[in-house]
Protein backbone atom coordinates (compact mmCIF):
# COMPACT_ATOMS: atom_id res chain seq x y z
CA UNK A 1 -15.33 -37.93 -73.40
CA UNK A 2 -18.27 -37.81 -75.74
CA UNK A 3 -20.12 -40.51 -73.78
CA UNK A 4 -19.72 -38.56 -70.55
CA UNK A 5 -21.21 -35.42 -72.15
CA UNK A 6 -24.08 -37.47 -73.42
CA UNK A 7 -24.55 -39.10 -69.89
CA UNK A 8 -24.66 -35.62 -68.35
CA UNK A 9 -27.17 -34.35 -70.91
CA UNK A 10 -29.29 -37.49 -70.53
CA UNK A 11 -29.55 -36.87 -66.77
CA UNK A 12 -30.52 -33.18 -67.23
CA UNK A 13 -32.99 -33.84 -70.10
CA UNK A 14 -36.15 -34.23 -67.88
CA UNK A 15 -35.65 -30.93 -66.29
CA UNK A 16 -34.81 -29.25 -69.62
CA UNK A 17 -38.05 -30.62 -71.12
CA UNK A 18 -40.14 -29.69 -68.09
CA UNK A 19 -38.75 -26.13 -68.26
CA UNK A 20 -39.28 -25.87 -72.00
CA UNK A 21 -42.82 -27.08 -72.09
CA UNK A 22 -43.79 -25.58 -68.65
CA UNK A 23 -45.19 -28.87 -67.54
CA UNK A 24 -44.27 -31.52 -64.98
CA UNK A 25 -42.18 -34.32 -66.35
CA UNK A 26 -42.54 -37.76 -64.81
CA UNK A 27 -39.54 -40.18 -65.17
CA UNK A 28 -40.30 -43.84 -64.40
CA UNK A 29 -37.80 -46.43 -63.35
CA UNK A 30 -38.88 -50.02 -63.66
CA UNK A 31 -37.15 -52.61 -61.51
CA UNK A 32 -35.36 -49.77 -59.78
CA UNK A 33 -33.95 -51.96 -57.08
CA UNK A 34 -31.66 -53.64 -59.71
CA UNK A 35 -29.78 -50.34 -60.60
CA UNK A 36 -26.80 -51.30 -58.32
CA UNK A 37 -26.45 -54.62 -60.23
CA UNK A 38 -25.50 -52.73 -63.40
CA UNK A 39 -22.82 -50.61 -61.56
CA UNK A 40 -22.14 -50.39 -57.82
CA UNK A 41 -24.29 -49.37 -54.84
CA UNK A 42 -22.86 -45.81 -55.01
CA UNK A 43 -25.14 -45.23 -58.01
CA UNK A 44 -27.95 -44.38 -55.58
CA UNK A 45 -26.00 -41.52 -54.13
CA UNK A 46 -25.10 -40.15 -57.49
CA UNK A 47 -28.81 -40.51 -58.72
CA UNK A 48 -30.18 -38.73 -55.60
CA UNK A 49 -27.85 -35.80 -56.24
CA UNK A 50 -29.12 -35.52 -59.81
CA UNK A 51 -32.79 -36.16 -58.84
CA UNK A 52 -32.69 -33.27 -56.18
CA UNK A 53 -31.24 -30.88 -58.79
CA UNK A 54 -34.18 -31.38 -61.19
CA UNK A 55 -36.98 -28.86 -61.16
CA UNK A 56 -40.43 -29.66 -62.48
CA UNK A 57 -39.63 -33.36 -62.52
CA UNK A 58 -41.26 -36.10 -60.44
CA UNK A 59 -39.93 -39.67 -60.22
CA UNK A 60 -41.75 -42.93 -60.13
CA UNK A 61 -39.78 -45.91 -58.88
CA UNK A 62 -41.17 -49.44 -59.58
CA UNK A 63 -39.79 -52.63 -58.35
CA UNK A 64 -40.94 -56.24 -57.96
CA UNK A 65 -38.73 -56.83 -54.92
CA UNK A 66 -40.77 -55.14 -52.21
CA UNK A 67 -38.14 -55.82 -49.47
CA UNK A 68 -35.32 -54.35 -51.43
CA UNK A 69 -37.43 -51.33 -52.42
CA UNK A 70 -38.37 -50.87 -48.74
CA UNK A 71 -34.69 -50.92 -47.71
CA UNK A 72 -33.65 -48.44 -50.37
CA UNK A 73 -36.17 -45.86 -49.27
CA UNK A 74 -36.67 -46.59 -45.64
CA UNK A 75 -33.26 -47.63 -44.44
CA UNK A 76 -31.65 -44.88 -42.45
CA UNK A 77 -28.11 -45.40 -43.86
CA UNK A 78 -29.46 -45.60 -47.50
CA UNK A 79 -28.78 -42.72 -50.02
CA UNK A 80 -32.50 -42.56 -50.96
CA UNK A 81 -33.75 -42.58 -47.33
CA UNK A 82 -37.16 -40.83 -47.30
CA UNK A 83 -36.79 -39.71 -50.93
CA UNK A 84 -40.03 -41.52 -51.95
CA UNK A 85 -43.27 -42.59 -50.57
CA UNK A 86 -44.01 -46.22 -50.76
CA UNK A 87 -47.45 -46.93 -52.31
CA UNK A 88 -48.39 -50.58 -52.72
CA UNK A 89 -50.03 -51.51 -56.03
CA UNK A 90 -52.72 -54.09 -55.76
CA UNK A 91 -52.66 -57.16 -57.97
CA UNK A 92 -54.63 -57.36 -61.17
CA UNK A 93 -57.43 -59.87 -61.07
CA UNK A 94 -58.34 -61.20 -64.41
CA UNK A 95 -61.85 -62.75 -63.82
CA UNK A 96 -62.57 -63.75 -67.33
CA UNK A 97 -60.51 -63.55 -70.55
CA UNK A 98 -63.47 -64.37 -72.86
CA UNK A 99 -63.95 -60.57 -73.54
CA UNK A 100 -60.33 -60.11 -74.57
CA UNK A 101 -59.19 -60.54 -78.14
CA UNK A 102 -55.54 -60.57 -77.27
CA UNK A 103 -54.16 -64.13 -77.36
CA UNK A 104 -51.59 -63.39 -74.71
CA UNK A 105 -54.32 -62.69 -72.15
CA UNK A 106 -56.40 -65.74 -72.94
CA UNK A 107 -55.84 -68.74 -70.72
């Protein structure tokens, strides 16, 4: 039972913080299309219900599988139909890494 209370609190936390600080809270989900792999496809229905109940909270959904993201938010039978606006993010072009001191970015 304790984990259920924690889970409910966790879902309400963004709205609580937004209200307390009187600021907009942004919650970001990376690889959002994979949420149903962790549980079942019904998770999107439950998430939408909680998302809609949040005041002062904006959600940013990121995913590398464009087709799946398109289906989640544009499919008429999907729980998240028209819940988000799709905005493509252009690729990052690294012209030269000679200016960068980070070894992970040098080719």
